N, C-alpha and C. Protein backbone atom coordinates (compact mmCIF):
# COMPACT_ATOMS: atom_id res chain seq x y z
N MET A 1 -130.99 67.35 -11.98
CA MET A 1 -132.74 66.06 -12.33
C MET A 1 -131.45 64.59 -11.88
N VAL A 2 -132.54 63.90 -11.09
CA VAL A 2 -131.88 62.45 -11.04
C VAL A 2 -132.32 61.26 -12.28
N TYR A 3 -131.11 59.85 -11.86
CA TYR A 3 -131.31 58.99 -13.40
C TYR A 3 -130.69 58.31 -12.42
N THR A 4 -132.06 56.95 -13.13
CA THR A 4 -132.36 55.81 -12.55
C THR A 4 -131.19 54.74 -13.37
N TYR A 5 -131.33 53.48 -13.16
CA TYR A 5 -131.02 52.62 -14.31
C TYR A 5 -131.17 51.43 -13.01
N HIS A 6 -131.51 50.44 -14.41
CA HIS A 6 -131.97 49.00 -13.90
C HIS A 6 -131.79 47.60 -13.43
N TYR A 7 -129.85 47.36 -12.44
CA TYR A 7 -129.26 45.70 -11.96
C TYR A 7 -129.87 44.48 -12.02
N THR A 8 -129.85 43.60 -12.44
CA THR A 8 -130.61 42.34 -12.44
C THR A 8 -129.51 41.56 -11.51
N SER A 9 -129.75 41.52 -10.64
CA SER A 9 -128.55 41.32 -9.82
C SER A 9 -128.96 39.40 -9.29
N PRO A 10 -127.81 38.50 -8.52
CA PRO A 10 -128.30 37.50 -8.39
C PRO A 10 -129.62 37.11 -6.92
N LEU A 11 -129.71 38.54 -6.04
CA LEU A 11 -131.25 38.46 -5.36
C LEU A 11 -131.47 39.49 -5.90
N GLY A 12 -132.26 39.73 -7.03
CA GLY A 12 -133.02 41.10 -6.73
C GLY A 12 -133.18 42.16 -7.55
N ILE A 13 -134.04 41.86 -8.39
CA ILE A 13 -133.20 43.76 -9.19
C ILE A 13 -133.49 44.90 -8.58
N ILE A 14 -131.94 45.83 -8.20
CA ILE A 14 -131.73 47.10 -7.41
C ILE A 14 -132.04 48.34 -8.29
N THR A 15 -132.08 49.50 -7.40
CA THR A 15 -131.74 50.19 -8.62
C THR A 15 -131.61 51.46 -8.42
N LEU A 16 -130.24 51.97 -9.35
CA LEU A 16 -129.37 53.09 -9.36
C LEU A 16 -130.01 54.07 -9.41
N ALA A 17 -129.25 55.03 -8.59
CA ALA A 17 -129.56 56.44 -8.63
C ALA A 17 -128.28 57.23 -8.78
N GLY A 18 -128.76 58.19 -9.78
CA GLY A 18 -127.33 59.09 -9.50
C GLY A 18 -128.03 61.00 -10.49
N ASN A 19 -126.90 61.48 -10.63
CA ASN A 19 -127.12 62.67 -11.00
C ASN A 19 -126.61 62.53 -12.26
N GLY A 20 -125.74 62.60 -12.52
CA GLY A 20 -125.36 62.92 -14.15
C GLY A 20 -123.96 61.58 -13.61
N GLU A 21 -123.13 62.50 -12.80
CA GLU A 21 -121.94 61.73 -12.84
C GLU A 21 -121.85 61.33 -10.95
N SER A 22 -122.30 61.49 -10.34
CA SER A 22 -122.45 60.59 -9.25
C SER A 22 -123.07 59.44 -8.92
N LEU A 23 -123.20 58.12 -8.09
CA LEU A 23 -123.47 58.21 -7.38
C LEU A 23 -124.23 57.95 -6.40
N THR A 24 -125.85 58.47 -6.34
CA THR A 24 -126.46 59.17 -5.22
C THR A 24 -127.38 57.58 -4.91
N GLY A 25 -127.96 56.66 -4.99
CA GLY A 25 -129.03 56.05 -4.56
C GLY A 25 -128.71 54.56 -5.12
N LEU A 26 -128.64 53.01 -4.23
CA LEU A 26 -128.87 51.95 -4.96
C LEU A 26 -129.41 51.32 -3.71
N TRP A 27 -130.17 50.70 -4.34
CA TRP A 27 -131.56 49.93 -3.56
C TRP A 27 -131.90 48.75 -3.88
N PHE A 28 -132.71 47.57 -3.83
CA PHE A 28 -133.02 46.83 -4.05
C PHE A 28 -134.31 46.86 -3.70
N ASP A 29 -135.21 46.28 -4.97
CA ASP A 29 -136.20 47.48 -4.96
C ASP A 29 -137.36 46.73 -4.57
N GLY A 30 -138.01 47.64 -3.84
CA GLY A 30 -138.86 47.34 -2.94
C GLY A 30 -138.52 48.05 -0.54
N GLN A 31 -137.30 47.44 -1.06
CA GLN A 31 -136.51 47.78 0.01
C GLN A 31 -137.54 48.85 1.01
N LYS A 32 -137.63 49.06 2.64
CA LYS A 32 -137.48 49.52 3.91
C LYS A 32 -137.04 51.20 2.50
N TYR A 33 -137.34 51.47 3.22
CA TYR A 33 -136.78 53.09 2.24
C TYR A 33 -136.63 53.62 1.35
N PHE A 34 -136.98 52.51 0.16
CA PHE A 34 -137.05 52.66 -0.94
C PHE A 34 -138.03 53.66 -1.28
N PRO A 35 -137.02 54.80 -2.30
CA PRO A 35 -137.58 56.28 -2.56
C PRO A 35 -138.66 56.67 -3.62
N HIS A 36 -139.44 56.12 -4.07
CA HIS A 36 -140.63 55.43 -5.00
C HIS A 36 -140.52 57.04 -5.65
N LYS A 37 -141.19 57.84 -4.42
CA LYS A 37 -141.26 59.76 -5.08
C LYS A 37 -140.12 59.83 -5.59
N LEU A 38 -139.26 59.83 -5.61
CA LEU A 38 -137.75 60.18 -6.48
C LEU A 38 -137.51 59.52 -7.22
N ILE A 39 -137.84 57.55 -7.00
CA ILE A 39 -138.03 57.35 -8.63
C ILE A 39 -138.87 56.89 -9.78
N SER A 40 -140.14 57.94 -9.02
CA SER A 40 -141.28 57.94 -9.98
C SER A 40 -140.29 59.52 -10.67
N GLU A 41 -139.67 60.01 -10.29
CA GLU A 41 -139.73 61.53 -11.14
C GLU A 41 -138.21 61.50 -11.94
N SER A 42 -138.15 59.85 -12.20
CA SER A 42 -136.47 60.34 -12.64
C SER A 42 -136.29 60.25 -14.29
N THR A 43 -136.15 60.25 -14.58
CA THR A 43 -134.75 59.76 -15.84
C THR A 43 -134.17 58.54 -15.97
N VAL A 44 -134.69 57.12 -17.45
CA VAL A 44 -134.05 56.03 -16.93
C VAL A 44 -132.74 56.47 -18.48
N ALA A 45 -131.94 56.06 -17.40
CA ALA A 45 -130.60 57.03 -18.91
C ALA A 45 -129.97 54.92 -18.41
N GLU A 46 -128.79 55.26 -19.36
CA GLU A 46 -127.86 54.49 -19.16
C GLU A 46 -126.45 55.63 -19.26
N LEU A 47 -126.02 55.53 -18.40
CA LEU A 47 -124.82 56.92 -17.74
C LEU A 47 -123.34 56.09 -17.51
N PRO A 48 -122.33 56.72 -17.35
CA PRO A 48 -121.57 56.52 -17.00
C PRO A 48 -120.83 55.98 -15.71
N ILE A 49 -121.87 56.39 -14.94
CA ILE A 49 -122.13 56.19 -13.14
C ILE A 49 -122.47 54.80 -13.71
N PHE A 50 -123.77 55.01 -13.87
CA PHE A 50 -124.70 53.30 -14.06
C PHE A 50 -123.39 52.07 -14.15
N THR A 51 -122.44 52.38 -15.44
CA THR A 51 -122.03 51.22 -16.34
C THR A 51 -121.43 50.88 -15.71
N ARG A 52 -120.61 52.07 -15.04
CA ARG A 52 -118.93 51.48 -14.16
C ARG A 52 -120.03 50.60 -12.75
N THR A 53 -120.72 51.08 -11.85
CA THR A 53 -121.18 50.66 -11.03
C THR A 53 -122.00 49.02 -11.11
N CYS A 54 -122.32 48.91 -12.23
CA CYS A 54 -121.92 47.35 -12.06
C CYS A 54 -121.75 46.65 -12.81
N ASN A 55 -120.76 46.87 -13.13
CA ASN A 55 -119.43 46.79 -13.17
C ASN A 55 -119.18 46.23 -11.34
N TRP A 56 -118.79 47.42 -11.04
CA TRP A 56 -118.52 47.31 -10.13
C TRP A 56 -119.36 45.98 -8.67
N LEU A 57 -120.67 46.20 -9.68
CA LEU A 57 -121.40 44.98 -9.12
C LEU A 57 -121.24 43.37 -9.65
N ASP A 58 -121.45 43.07 -10.86
CA ASP A 58 -120.69 42.23 -11.53
C ASP A 58 -120.05 41.45 -11.29
N ILE A 59 -118.46 42.26 -9.92
CA ILE A 59 -117.41 41.74 -9.74
C ILE A 59 -118.49 41.28 -8.54
N TYR A 60 -118.71 42.25 -7.82
CA TYR A 60 -119.05 41.81 -6.64
C TYR A 60 -119.56 40.64 -6.63
N PHE A 61 -120.68 40.10 -7.08
CA PHE A 61 -122.06 38.63 -6.84
C PHE A 61 -121.53 37.53 -7.68
N SER A 62 -120.19 37.82 -8.49
CA SER A 62 -119.07 37.03 -9.34
C SER A 62 -118.89 36.32 -7.88
N GLY A 63 -118.30 36.99 -6.38
CA GLY A 63 -117.25 37.14 -5.73
C GLY A 63 -115.49 36.90 -5.10
N ASN A 64 -115.73 37.83 -5.93
CA ASN A 64 -114.16 38.64 -6.39
C ASN A 64 -115.19 40.36 -5.39
N ILE A 65 -112.90 40.61 -4.88
CA ILE A 65 -113.34 41.83 -4.31
C ILE A 65 -113.37 43.52 -4.98
N PRO A 66 -114.32 43.84 -5.87
CA PRO A 66 -114.21 44.51 -7.02
C PRO A 66 -113.01 45.54 -5.90
N ASP A 67 -111.99 46.04 -7.03
CA ASP A 67 -110.58 47.00 -7.33
C ASP A 67 -110.58 48.48 -6.69
N PHE A 68 -111.51 48.82 -6.66
CA PHE A 68 -112.17 50.22 -6.83
C PHE A 68 -113.81 50.28 -6.28
N THR A 69 -114.17 51.60 -6.87
CA THR A 69 -115.18 52.19 -5.61
C THR A 69 -115.98 52.92 -6.81
N PRO A 70 -116.92 52.51 -7.32
CA PRO A 70 -118.26 54.56 -7.94
C PRO A 70 -118.05 55.89 -6.87
N SER A 71 -118.42 56.44 -8.24
CA SER A 71 -117.48 58.08 -7.41
C SER A 71 -119.60 57.89 -6.62
N ILE A 72 -119.41 58.55 -5.45
CA ILE A 72 -120.81 58.49 -4.31
C ILE A 72 -120.97 60.20 -4.27
N TYR A 73 -122.26 60.28 -3.94
CA TYR A 73 -122.27 62.09 -3.75
C TYR A 73 -123.47 61.08 -2.95
N LEU A 74 -123.76 62.04 -1.92
CA LEU A 74 -124.54 61.92 -0.25
C LEU A 74 -124.70 62.94 0.00
N ASN A 75 -126.46 63.31 -0.03
CA ASN A 75 -126.67 64.48 0.48
C ASN A 75 -127.60 63.71 2.10
N THR A 76 -126.94 64.27 2.14
CA THR A 76 -126.82 63.37 3.95
C THR A 76 -126.98 64.35 5.18
N THR A 77 -126.87 64.09 6.20
CA THR A 77 -126.36 64.41 7.28
C THR A 77 -124.89 64.48 8.45
N PRO A 78 -124.29 65.45 8.38
CA PRO A 78 -123.14 64.93 8.79
C PRO A 78 -123.17 63.53 9.56
N PHE A 79 -124.37 63.28 10.49
CA PHE A 79 -124.05 62.65 11.69
C PHE A 79 -123.75 60.64 10.71
N ARG A 80 -124.73 61.02 9.83
CA ARG A 80 -125.06 59.74 8.61
C ARG A 80 -124.06 59.53 8.13
N LYS A 81 -123.28 60.34 7.61
CA LYS A 81 -121.70 61.27 7.14
C LYS A 81 -121.21 60.23 7.02
N ALA A 82 -120.87 60.50 8.61
CA ALA A 82 -120.16 59.29 9.49
C ALA A 82 -119.64 58.28 9.38
N VAL A 83 -120.82 57.87 9.45
CA VAL A 83 -121.65 56.01 9.59
C VAL A 83 -121.06 55.85 8.85
N TYR A 84 -121.73 56.29 7.21
CA TYR A 84 -121.10 55.46 6.04
C TYR A 84 -119.44 55.89 5.33
N ASP A 85 -118.74 57.11 6.54
CA ASP A 85 -117.13 56.65 6.41
C ASP A 85 -116.72 55.17 6.51
N ILE A 86 -117.26 55.38 8.66
CA ILE A 86 -117.55 53.75 9.09
C ILE A 86 -117.84 52.69 8.05
N LEU A 87 -118.64 52.35 7.50
CA LEU A 87 -118.84 51.93 6.42
C LEU A 87 -118.32 50.94 5.58
N LEU A 88 -117.77 52.60 5.10
CA LEU A 88 -116.77 51.42 4.19
C LEU A 88 -115.47 51.41 4.06
N THR A 89 -115.05 51.22 5.87
CA THR A 89 -113.61 51.01 6.42
C THR A 89 -113.91 49.30 6.53
N ILE A 90 -114.93 49.28 6.47
CA ILE A 90 -115.34 47.41 7.01
C ILE A 90 -114.63 47.50 5.87
N PRO A 91 -114.25 46.08 5.83
CA PRO A 91 -113.19 44.68 5.42
C PRO A 91 -114.03 43.74 4.16
N TYR A 92 -113.87 43.68 3.45
CA TYR A 92 -114.48 42.36 2.93
C TYR A 92 -114.94 40.74 2.92
N GLU A 93 -115.44 40.62 4.20
CA GLU A 93 -114.99 38.76 4.17
C GLU A 93 -115.30 39.05 6.25
N GLN A 94 -115.33 40.61 6.24
CA GLN A 94 -115.51 40.54 8.16
C GLN A 94 -117.21 41.99 8.48
N ILE A 95 -117.39 41.58 9.90
CA ILE A 95 -118.26 42.38 10.22
C ILE A 95 -118.01 42.92 10.90
N MET A 96 -118.90 44.62 11.79
CA MET A 96 -118.64 45.41 13.06
C MET A 96 -120.50 45.61 14.31
N THR A 97 -119.21 45.41 15.15
CA THR A 97 -121.04 45.82 15.75
C THR A 97 -121.50 47.73 15.40
N TYR A 98 -123.03 48.00 15.87
CA TYR A 98 -123.31 48.94 16.04
C TYR A 98 -122.83 49.89 16.69
N GLY A 99 -122.55 48.43 18.27
CA GLY A 99 -121.60 48.96 19.37
C GLY A 99 -120.26 49.84 18.57
N GLU A 100 -118.65 48.56 18.20
CA GLU A 100 -118.21 49.61 17.93
C GLU A 100 -118.02 50.47 16.61
N ILE A 101 -119.42 50.75 16.00
CA ILE A 101 -119.33 52.05 14.88
C ILE A 101 -120.08 53.90 16.43
N ALA A 102 -120.73 53.08 17.40
CA ALA A 102 -120.67 54.54 18.11
C ALA A 102 -119.27 54.37 18.84
N ASN A 103 -118.99 53.44 19.06
CA ASN A 103 -117.79 54.18 20.08
C ASN A 103 -116.37 54.98 19.10
N ILE A 104 -116.28 54.93 18.17
CA ILE A 104 -115.79 55.04 16.46
C ILE A 104 -116.46 56.60 16.13
N ILE A 105 -117.36 57.27 16.04
CA ILE A 105 -118.23 58.36 16.45
C ILE A 105 -118.00 58.95 17.90
N ALA A 106 -117.71 58.45 19.59
CA ALA A 106 -117.70 59.00 20.54
C ALA A 106 -115.93 59.57 19.68
N GLU A 107 -115.80 58.46 19.47
CA GLU A 107 -113.41 59.21 20.07
C GLU A 107 -113.38 60.34 19.01
N GLN A 108 -114.31 60.04 17.97
CA GLN A 108 -114.72 61.33 16.70
C GLN A 108 -114.73 62.31 17.53
N ASN A 109 -115.56 62.17 17.84
CA ASN A 109 -116.15 63.72 18.07
C ASN A 109 -116.36 64.19 19.62
N GLY A 110 -115.37 63.63 20.04
CA GLY A 110 -114.19 63.95 21.39
C GLY A 110 -115.60 63.90 22.58
N VAL A 111 -116.62 63.21 22.28
CA VAL A 111 -117.52 62.54 23.36
C VAL A 111 -117.23 61.14 24.37
N GLU A 112 -118.18 60.71 25.68
CA GLU A 112 -117.57 59.56 26.31
C GLU A 112 -118.15 58.35 25.14
N ARG A 113 -120.40 58.29 25.24
CA ARG A 113 -120.55 58.09 24.97
C ARG A 113 -121.28 58.31 23.32
N MET A 114 -121.10 57.56 22.46
CA MET A 114 -122.33 58.21 21.62
C MET A 114 -123.43 56.50 21.61
N SER A 115 -124.54 57.47 21.02
CA SER A 115 -125.81 55.74 21.65
C SER A 115 -125.56 55.12 19.69
N ALA A 116 -125.62 53.99 19.90
CA ALA A 116 -125.74 52.85 18.91
C ALA A 116 -126.74 52.48 18.32
N GLN A 117 -128.08 52.73 18.95
CA GLN A 117 -129.33 52.74 17.90
C GLN A 117 -129.43 54.05 17.33
N ALA A 118 -128.73 54.99 17.33
CA ALA A 118 -128.86 56.02 16.74
C ALA A 118 -127.45 55.83 15.47
N VAL A 119 -126.72 55.08 15.36
CA VAL A 119 -126.05 54.81 14.42
C VAL A 119 -126.42 52.88 13.44
N GLY A 120 -127.81 52.52 14.49
CA GLY A 120 -128.87 51.60 13.67
C GLY A 120 -129.48 52.46 11.97
N GLY A 121 -129.76 53.41 13.71
CA GLY A 121 -130.87 54.02 12.36
C GLY A 121 -130.43 54.94 11.35
N ALA A 122 -128.80 55.18 11.41
CA ALA A 122 -128.24 56.02 9.76
C ALA A 122 -128.29 54.95 9.56
N VAL A 123 -127.65 53.71 9.20
CA VAL A 123 -126.61 52.12 8.96
C VAL A 123 -128.69 52.13 8.22
N GLY A 124 -129.89 51.87 8.77
CA GLY A 124 -131.06 51.39 7.83
C GLY A 124 -131.26 52.40 7.24
N HIS A 125 -130.98 54.05 7.05
CA HIS A 125 -131.62 54.44 6.00
C HIS A 125 -130.38 54.67 4.89
N ASN A 126 -129.07 53.73 4.81
CA ASN A 126 -127.90 54.45 4.03
C ASN A 126 -128.62 53.84 2.63
N PRO A 127 -128.27 55.03 1.52
CA PRO A 127 -128.78 55.17 0.88
C PRO A 127 -128.63 54.05 -0.66
N VAL A 128 -127.66 53.38 0.33
CA VAL A 128 -125.74 53.04 -1.91
C VAL A 128 -125.77 51.74 -1.00
N SER A 129 -126.98 51.25 -1.30
CA SER A 129 -126.09 49.43 -0.58
C SER A 129 -125.23 48.60 -0.94
N ILE A 130 -124.61 47.49 -0.21
CA ILE A 130 -124.17 47.00 -1.05
C ILE A 130 -122.32 47.07 -0.80
N ILE A 131 -122.61 48.75 -1.39
CA ILE A 131 -120.57 49.61 -1.84
C ILE A 131 -120.55 50.31 -1.53
N ILE A 132 -122.15 51.31 0.04
CA ILE A 132 -121.66 50.86 1.30
C ILE A 132 -121.95 50.03 2.50
N PRO A 133 -121.46 48.95 3.41
CA PRO A 133 -121.83 47.84 3.16
C PRO A 133 -122.28 47.69 4.39
N CYS A 134 -123.50 48.23 4.85
CA CYS A 134 -123.60 48.41 5.94
C CYS A 134 -125.15 46.75 5.64
N HIS A 135 -124.72 45.28 4.80
CA HIS A 135 -125.03 44.44 5.75
C HIS A 135 -124.39 43.40 6.68
N ARG A 136 -122.86 44.09 6.76
CA ARG A 136 -121.59 43.73 7.57
C ARG A 136 -121.68 44.25 8.63
N VAL A 137 -123.14 44.55 9.36
CA VAL A 137 -123.16 45.53 10.97
C VAL A 137 -124.10 44.15 11.38
N VAL A 138 -123.45 43.71 12.75
CA VAL A 138 -124.04 43.04 13.49
C VAL A 138 -124.14 43.23 14.34
N GLY A 139 -125.49 43.05 15.53
CA GLY A 139 -125.20 43.58 17.00
C GLY A 139 -124.27 43.11 18.13
N ALA A 140 -124.76 43.40 18.11
CA ALA A 140 -123.02 43.43 19.76
C ALA A 140 -123.49 41.56 19.89
N ASP A 141 -124.60 41.12 19.77
CA ASP A 141 -123.75 39.67 20.34
C ASP A 141 -123.33 38.52 19.54
N GLY A 142 -123.56 39.14 17.69
CA GLY A 142 -122.68 38.79 16.75
C GLY A 142 -124.15 38.24 15.69
N SER A 143 -125.83 38.86 16.03
CA SER A 143 -126.94 38.24 15.48
C SER A 143 -127.04 39.43 14.38
N LEU A 144 -127.98 38.76 13.08
CA LEU A 144 -128.23 39.71 12.45
C LEU A 144 -128.97 40.76 12.74
N THR A 145 -129.11 41.25 12.99
CA THR A 145 -130.02 41.90 13.58
C THR A 145 -130.00 43.27 12.29
N GLY A 146 -132.31 43.24 11.90
CA GLY A 146 -132.33 44.61 10.53
C GLY A 146 -131.03 44.88 9.70
N TYR A 147 -131.55 44.88 8.22
CA TYR A 147 -131.72 44.61 7.22
C TYR A 147 -132.50 45.83 6.22
N ALA A 148 -131.96 47.34 5.65
CA ALA A 148 -133.89 47.26 4.95
C ALA A 148 -133.79 46.58 3.58
N GLY A 149 -132.57 46.35 2.80
CA GLY A 149 -132.99 45.37 1.44
C GLY A 149 -133.50 43.90 1.94
N ASP A 150 -134.22 43.74 3.36
CA ASP A 150 -134.84 42.88 4.33
C ASP A 150 -133.12 41.39 4.57
N LEU A 151 -133.66 41.05 6.02
CA LEU A 151 -132.58 39.31 6.67
C LEU A 151 -131.65 38.81 5.81
N ASP A 152 -133.40 37.31 5.29
CA ASP A 152 -132.28 37.17 3.83
C ASP A 152 -131.85 37.94 2.65
N ARG A 153 -132.03 38.83 2.49
CA ARG A 153 -130.36 38.97 1.50
C ARG A 153 -129.38 38.81 1.99
N LYS A 154 -128.94 39.77 3.22
CA LYS A 154 -128.31 40.31 4.37
C LYS A 154 -127.77 38.96 4.72
N ILE A 155 -128.23 37.23 4.72
CA ILE A 155 -127.27 36.09 5.24
C ILE A 155 -126.58 36.04 3.56
N GLU A 156 -126.81 36.16 3.84
CA GLU A 156 -126.34 35.91 1.19
C GLU A 156 -125.62 36.90 1.20
N LEU A 157 -125.87 38.07 1.07
CA LEU A 157 -124.49 38.78 0.95
C LEU A 157 -123.05 38.60 1.62
N LEU A 158 -123.89 37.97 3.19
CA LEU A 158 -122.33 37.77 3.92
C LEU A 158 -122.01 36.64 3.69
N LYS A 159 -122.62 35.07 3.28
CA LYS A 159 -122.10 33.81 2.88
C LYS A 159 -121.42 34.56 1.41
N LEU A 160 -121.79 35.31 0.27
CA LEU A 160 -121.01 35.21 -0.39
C LEU A 160 -119.38 35.60 -0.02
N GLU A 161 -119.42 37.29 0.65
CA GLU A 161 -118.34 37.66 0.85
C GLU A 161 -117.07 36.12 2.22
N LYS A 162 -118.59 35.12 2.81
CA LYS A 162 -117.47 34.43 3.82
C LYS A 162 -117.44 35.46 4.56
N ALA A 163 -118.57 35.28 5.36
CA ALA A 163 -118.27 36.30 6.58
C ALA A 163 -119.16 36.21 7.78
N LEU A 164 -119.58 34.56 6.98
CA LEU A 164 -120.64 34.29 8.69
C LEU A 164 -119.47 32.86 8.90
């Protein structure tokens, strides 16, 4: 069973999805790759995981750094999971490039090179926006490329974190 809950953020409505125990999704409503079918087949509910996630979001949007991470369950490929694990290591107020992430993945896998474009595809499909901070990833030249939740929101999130 998939459960959902809606959170009103300063940047728009956010839909949370969960399996009853863990957070499985967090999207700005209508963003690219928003799982319309998943959401339409879900049950709206108030669950402890959503309360904890909303608390995290309240702290975050107030300009503070949450000192906990809600339980997250990702049903994804090993490659994407590796990318999301790296995203979780990017500190608040800092950014990382797609190429830097590709280099880490290459090193972890004992290969000479990994495609930054493949990393970009994984980052773009991040199912738990903000908490898994895909907005902290930028182009090689520091450009604010791609954000499924809208480039203006990416800018606002980075401003909130004082990363710009």
